[in-house]
Amino acid sequence: MAVVAGIVGRMGEAVVAKAFLGGVADFAAPAFLVILARSVSVVMTNTKTINTVLHAMEGLVAGASSVAFVLLTFVASLPLSFVVGGGSAGTALTAPVLAPLGGFAGVDRALVMATWVAAAGWLRLALPTNAILVAGLALAGVGFDQYLRFAAPLMGILVMVILAVLTLGALL
């Protein structure tokens, strides 16, 4: 696709090659994080460490109400999403733990993963490490502090809607 864009844009070979390599370099760090998270998951699974973690956590969630589990998962997902991100790397790292843990609490795996995704997505609306957000603000000429003052009330409303939908999902 990059070559086609270069031909249509009447760019020279050197410009297309340089832009293509720049794009590859931009994706190297996120790709490394996905590989690292997946390797941690594989090691934890193959060494049965994941089973030990799940067994230890099973006692904490067994018998908990599905609503409480979903709401606690949302809250617990926030710092985790901040540290590892809510994208592929974060999901590869957390899904092997969260999904079976939901089973112990009687919560459908799909709802557990929806909770993770909702928490990560909500948090990305305010993270200064979100490159797309920061780039968009820069293009619009809006300061991050000004954006937060505008977005905070909307994020408050959004989190209430998210928690209501997750609670409804846990009750059904």
C-alpha atoms as a PDB file:
ATOM      1  CA  MET A   1       0.000   0.000   0.000  1.00  0.00           C
ATOM      2  CA  ALA A   2       2.895   2.346   0.759  1.00  0.00           C
ATOM      3  CA  VAL A   3       4.316   1.738  -2.714  1.00  0.00           C
ATOM      4  CA  VAL A   4       0.941   2.494  -4.310  1.00  0.00           C
ATOM      5  CA  ALA A   5       0.638   5.697  -2.258  1.00  0.00           C
ATOM      6  CA  GLY A   6       4.155   6.660  -3.355  1.00  0.00           C
ATOM      7  CA  ILE A   7       3.332   6.084  -7.027  1.00  0.00           C
ATOM      8  CA  VAL A   8       0.061   8.011  -6.803  1.00  0.00           C
ATOM      9  CA  GLY A   9       1.797  10.817  -4.924  1.00  0.00           C
ATOM     10  CA  ARG A  10       4.579  10.879  -7.544  1.00  0.00           C
ATOM     11  CA  MET A  11       7.237  10.381  -4.877  1.00  0.00           C
ATOM     12  CA  GLY A  12      10.673   9.084  -5.705  1.00  0.00           C
ATOM     13  CA  GLU A  13      11.977   5.666  -4.681  1.00  0.00           C
ATOM     14  CA  ALA A  14      14.183   7.105  -1.947  1.00  0.00           C
ATOM     15  CA  VAL A  15      11.326   9.069  -0.379  1.00  0.00           C
ATOM     16  CA  VAL A  16       8.991   6.048  -0.423  1.00  0.00           C
ATOM     17  CA  ALA A  17      11.678   3.775   1.014  1.00  0.00           C
ATOM     18  CA  LYS A  18      12.541   6.283   3.758  1.00  0.00           C
ATOM     19  CA  ALA A  19       8.863   6.761   4.694  1.00  0.00           C
ATOM     20  CA  PHE A  20       8.294   3.000   4.686  1.00  0.00           C
ATOM     21  CA  LEU A  21      11.281   2.346   6.957  1.00  0.00           C
ATOM     22  CA  GLY A  22      10.159   5.163   9.253  1.00  0.00           C
ATOM     23  CA  GLY A  23       6.760   3.469   9.553  1.00  0.00           C
ATOM     24  CA  VAL A  24       8.378   0.124  10.307  1.00  0.00           C
ATOM     25  CA  ALA A  25      10.501   1.756  13.011  1.00  0.00           C
ATOM     26  CA  ASP A  26       7.380   3.311  14.569  1.00  0.00           C
ATOM     27  CA  PHE A  27       5.818  -0.135  14.921  1.00  0.00           C
ATOM     28  CA  ALA A  28       8.918  -1.856  16.292  1.00  0.00           C
ATOM     29  CA  ALA A  29       8.396  -0.868  19.949  1.00  0.00           C
ATOM     30  CA  PRO A  30       4.695  -1.828  20.108  1.00  0.00           C
ATOM     31  CA  ALA A  31       5.455  -5.103  18.326  1.00  0.00           C
ATOM     32  CA  PHE A  32       8.181  -5.834  20.865  1.00  0.00           C
ATOM     33  CA  LEU A  33       5.718  -5.213  23.718  1.00  0.00           C
ATOM     34  CA  VAL A  34       3.210  -7.639  22.191  1.00  0.00           C
ATOM     35  CA  ILE A  35       5.931 -10.275  21.802  1.00  0.00           C
ATOM     36  CA  LEU A  36       7.130  -9.713  25.366  1.00  0.00           C
ATOM     37  CA  ALA A  37       3.605  -9.940  26.811  1.00  0.00           C
ATOM     38  CA  ARG A  38       2.880 -13.084  24.824  1.00  0.00           C
ATOM     39  CA  SER A  39       6.155 -14.660  25.939  1.00  0.00           C
ATOM     40  CA  VAL A  40       5.302 -13.951  29.583  1.00  0.00           C
ATOM     41  CA  SER A  41       1.925 -15.586  28.992  1.00  0.00           C
ATOM     42  CA  VAL A  42       3.527 -18.646  27.366  1.00  0.00           C
ATOM     43  CA  VAL A  43       6.075 -19.030  30.166  1.00  0.00           C
ATOM     44  CA  MET A  44       3.360 -18.689  32.812  1.00  0.00           C
ATOM     45  CA  THR A  45       1.219 -21.285  31.038  1.00  0.00           C
ATOM     46  CA  ASN A  46       4.009 -23.782  30.319  1.00  0.00           C
ATOM     47  CA  THR A  47       5.442 -23.619  33.826  1.00  0.00           C
ATOM     48  CA  LYS A  48       1.958 -23.902  35.337  1.00  0.00           C
ATOM     49  CA  THR A  49       2.556 -20.600  37.134  1.00  0.00           C
ATOM     50  CA  ILE A  50      -0.753 -19.364  35.742  1.00  0.00           C
ATOM     51  CA  ASN A  51      -2.482 -22.259  37.507  1.00  0.00           C
ATOM     52  CA  THR A  52      -0.885 -21.286  40.805  1.00  0.00           C
ATOM     53  CA  VAL A  53      -1.945 -17.666  40.380  1.00  0.00           C
ATOM     54  CA  LEU A  54      -5.475 -18.671  39.420  1.00  0.00           C
ATOM     55  CA  HIS A  55      -5.745 -21.103  42.329  1.00  0.00           C
ATOM     56  CA  ALA A  56      -4.628 -18.420  44.782  1.00  0.00           C
ATOM     57  CA  MET A  57      -7.095 -15.911  43.352  1.00  0.00           C
ATOM     58  CA  GLU A  58      -9.967 -18.397  43.114  1.00  0.00           C
ATOM     59  CA  GLY A  59     -10.505 -18.195  46.860  1.00  0.00           C
ATOM     60  CA  LEU A  60     -10.887 -14.433  46.613  1.00  0.00           C
ATOM     61  CA  VAL A  61     -13.571 -14.454  43.926  1.00  0.00           C
ATOM     62  CA  ALA A  62     -15.429 -17.711  44.587  1.00  0.00           C
ATOM     63  CA  GLY A  63     -18.866 -16.853  45.847  1.00  0.00           C
ATOM     64  CA  ALA A  64     -18.564 -13.159  44.959  1.00  0.00           C
ATOM     65  CA  SER A  65     -21.539 -11.629  43.198  1.00  0.00           C
ATOM     66  CA  SER A  66     -21.130 -11.193  39.469  1.00  0.00           C
ATOM     67  CA  VAL A  67     -21.824  -7.450  39.765  1.00  0.00           C
ATOM     68  CA  ALA A  68     -19.122  -7.011  42.413  1.00  0.00           C
ATOM     69  CA  PHE A  69     -16.661  -9.029  40.341  1.00  0.00           C
ATOM     70  CA  VAL A  70     -17.288  -6.973  37.195  1.00  0.00           C
ATOM     71  CA  LEU A  71     -17.015  -3.658  39.034  1.00  0.00           C
ATOM     72  CA  LEU A  72     -13.821  -4.720  40.825  1.00  0.00           C
ATOM     73  CA  THR A  73     -12.389  -5.966  37.541  1.00  0.00           C
ATOM     74  CA  PHE A  74     -13.065  -2.547  36.009  1.00  0.00           C
ATOM     75  CA  VAL A  75     -11.299  -0.766  38.872  1.00  0.00           C
ATOM     76  CA  ALA A  76      -8.381  -3.243  38.895  1.00  0.00           C
ATOM     77  CA  SER A  77      -8.003  -2.908  35.126  1.00  0.00           C
ATOM     78  CA  LEU A  78      -7.315   0.823  35.307  1.00  0.00           C
ATOM     79  CA  PRO A  79      -3.796   0.729  36.795  1.00  0.00           C
ATOM     80  CA  LEU A  80      -2.991  -2.357  34.740  1.00  0.00           C
ATOM     81  CA  SER A  81      -4.112  -0.571  31.564  1.00  0.00           C
ATOM     82  CA  PHE A  82      -1.946   2.376  32.514  1.00  0.00           C
ATOM     83  CA  VAL A  83       1.164   0.230  33.011  1.00  0.00           C
ATOM     84  CA  VAL A  84       0.903  -2.254  30.132  1.00  0.00           C
ATOM     85  CA  GLY A  85      -1.578  -0.485  27.899  1.00  0.00           C
ATOM     86  CA  GLY A  86      -4.965  -1.683  26.802  1.00  0.00           C
ATOM     87  CA  GLY A  87      -3.958  -2.822  23.355  1.00  0.00           C
ATOM     88  CA  SER A  88      -2.699  -6.165  22.166  1.00  0.00           C
ATOM     89  CA  ALA A  89       0.118  -6.403  24.700  1.00  0.00           C
ATOM     90  CA  GLY A  90      -2.135  -5.668  27.641  1.00  0.00           C
ATOM     91  CA  THR A  91      -4.779  -8.094  26.456  1.00  0.00           C
ATOM     92  CA  ALA A  92      -2.237 -10.839  25.794  1.00  0.00           C
ATOM     93  CA  LEU A  93      -0.955 -10.421  29.333  1.00  0.00           C
ATOM     94  CA  THR A  94      -4.265 -10.134  31.186  1.00  0.00           C
ATOM     95  CA  ALA A  95      -6.687 -12.356  29.252  1.00  0.00           C
ATOM     96  CA  PRO A  96      -5.169 -15.656  30.444  1.00  0.00           C
ATOM     97  CA  VAL A  97      -5.758 -14.552  34.045  1.00  0.00           C
ATOM     98  CA  LEU A  98      -8.955 -12.507  33.887  1.00  0.00           C
ATOM     99  CA  ALA A  99     -11.038 -14.815  31.690  1.00  0.00           C
ATOM    100  CA  PRO A 100     -10.684 -17.972  33.857  1.00  0.00           C
ATOM    101  CA  LEU A 101     -10.998 -15.868  36.998  1.00  0.00           C
ATOM    102  CA  GLY A 102     -14.386 -14.710  35.762  1.00  0.00           C
ATOM    103  CA  GLY A 103     -15.382 -18.353  35.395  1.00  0.00           C
ATOM    104  CA  PHE A 104     -14.631 -18.925  39.090  1.00  0.00           C
ATOM    105  CA  ALA A 105     -16.932 -16.012  39.953  1.00  0.00           C
ATOM    106  CA  GLY A 106     -19.646 -17.231  37.592  1.00  0.00           C
ATOM    107  CA  VAL A 107     -19.164 -14.355  35.146  1.00  0.00           C
ATOM    108  CA  ASP A 108     -19.122 -15.019  31.410  1.00  0.00           C
ATOM    109  CA  ARG A 109     -15.659 -14.654  29.852  1.00  0.00           C
ATOM    110  CA  ALA A 110     -17.007 -12.295  27.215  1.00  0.00           C
ATOM    111  CA  LEU A 111     -18.226  -9.904  29.916  1.00  0.00           C
ATOM    112  CA  VAL A 112     -14.883 -10.085  31.704  1.00  0.00           C
ATOM    113  CA  MET A 113     -13.024  -9.164  28.528  1.00  0.00           C
ATOM    114  CA  ALA A 114     -15.580  -6.451  27.703  1.00  0.00           C
ATOM    115  CA  THR A 115     -14.876  -5.023  31.156  1.00  0.00           C
ATOM    116  CA  TRP A 116     -11.122  -5.007  30.461  1.00  0.00           C
ATOM    117  CA  VAL A 117     -11.614  -3.346  27.078  1.00  0.00           C
ATOM    118  CA  ALA A 118     -14.035  -0.763  28.479  1.00  0.00           C
ATOM    119  CA  ALA A 119     -11.661   0.188  31.297  1.00  0.00           C
ATOM    120  CA  ALA A 120      -8.676   0.433  28.975  1.00  0.00           C
ATOM    121  CA  GLY A 121     -10.602   2.429  26.368  1.00  0.00           C
ATOM    122  CA  TRP A 122     -12.006   4.823  28.952  1.00  0.00           C
ATOM    123  CA  LEU A 123      -8.564   5.407  30.432  1.00  0.00           C
ATOM    124  CA  ARG A 124      -7.039   6.064  26.991  1.00  0.00           C
ATOM    125  CA  LEU A 125      -9.277   9.125  26.723  1.00  0.00           C
ATOM    126  CA  ALA A 126      -7.134  10.863  29.340  1.00  0.00           C
ATOM    127  CA  LEU A 127      -3.673   9.329  29.131  1.00  0.00           C
ATOM    128  CA  PRO A 128      -0.923  11.664  27.965  1.00  0.00           C
ATOM    129  CA  THR A 129       0.867   8.537  26.697  1.00  0.00           C
ATOM    130  CA  ASN A 130      -1.873   8.025  24.093  1.00  0.00           C
ATOM    131  CA  ALA A 131       0.003   9.122  20.986  1.00  0.00           C
ATOM    132  CA  ILE A 132      -3.117   9.542  18.868  1.00  0.00           C
ATOM    133  CA  LEU A 133      -4.774  11.750  21.481  1.00  0.00           C
ATOM    134  CA  VAL A 134      -1.706  13.922  21.949  1.00  0.00           C
ATOM    135  CA  ALA A 135      -1.136  14.218  18.187  1.00  0.00           C
ATOM    136  CA  GLY A 136      -4.775  15.156  17.622  1.00  0.00           C
ATOM    137  CA  LEU A 137      -4.608  17.799  20.336  1.00  0.00           C
ATOM    138  CA  ALA A 138      -1.403  19.182  18.831  1.00  0.00           C
ATOM    139  CA  LEU A 139      -2.968  19.354  15.375  1.00  0.00           C
ATOM    140  CA  ALA A 140      -5.997  21.138  16.814  1.00  0.00           C
ATOM    141  CA  GLY A 141      -3.813  23.514  18.827  1.00  0.00           C
ATOM    142  CA  VAL A 142      -5.459  22.481  22.104  1.00  0.00           C
ATOM    143  CA  GLY A 143      -3.396  22.115  25.273  1.00  0.00           C
ATOM    144  CA  PHE A 144      -3.667  18.864  27.239  1.00  0.00           C
ATOM    145  CA  ASP A 145      -4.833  20.720  30.366  1.00  0.00           C
ATOM    146  CA  GLN A 146      -7.555  22.478  28.387  1.00  0.00           C
ATOM    147  CA  TYR A 147      -8.636  19.136  26.918  1.00  0.00           C
ATOM    148  CA  LEU A 148      -8.819  17.529  30.369  1.00  0.00           C
ATOM    149  CA  ARG A 149     -10.981  20.358  31.719  1.00  0.00           C
ATOM    150  CA  PHE A 150     -13.356  19.798  28.802  1.00  0.00           C
ATOM    151  CA  ALA A 151     -13.233  15.986  28.821  1.00  0.00           C
ATOM    152  CA  ALA A 152     -13.434  15.322  32.588  1.00  0.00           C
ATOM    153  CA  PRO A 153     -17.194  15.875  32.927  1.00  0.00           C
ATOM    154  CA  LEU A 154     -17.838  13.858  29.778  1.00  0.00           C
ATOM    155  CA  MET A 155     -15.587  11.072  31.039  1.00  0.00           C
ATOM    156  CA  GLY A 156     -17.527  11.091  34.308  1.00  0.00           C
ATOM    157  CA  ILE A 157     -20.770  10.586  32.409  1.00  0.00           C
ATOM    158  CA  LEU A 158     -19.168   7.938  30.213  1.00  0.00           C
ATOM    159  CA  VAL A 159     -17.832   5.925  33.164  1.00  0.00           C
ATOM    160  CA  MET A 160     -21.306   5.911  34.705  1.00  0.00           C
ATOM    161  CA  VAL A 161     -22.796   4.633  31.445  1.00  0.00           C
ATOM    162  CA  ILE A 162     -20.051   1.994  31.129  1.00  0.00           C
ATOM    163  CA  LEU A 163     -20.553   0.790  34.708  1.00  0.00           C
ATOM    164  CA  ALA A 164     -24.328   0.688  34.244  1.00  0.00           C
ATOM    165  CA  VAL A 165     -24.014  -1.403  31.075  1.00  0.00           C
ATOM    166  CA  LEU A 166     -21.485  -3.744  32.704  1.00  0.00           C
ATOM    167  CA  THR A 167     -23.724  -4.108  35.753  1.00  0.00           C
ATOM    168  CA  LEU A 168     -26.691  -4.885  33.519  1.00  0.00           C
ATOM    169  CA  GLY A 169     -24.584  -7.446  31.689  1.00  0.00           C
ATOM    170  CA  ALA A 170     -23.607  -9.066  34.982  1.00  0.00           C
ATOM    171  CA  LEU A 171     -27.228  -9.264  36.082  1.00  0.00           C
ATOM    172  CA  LEU A 172     -28.442 -10.889  32.861  1.00  0.00           C
END
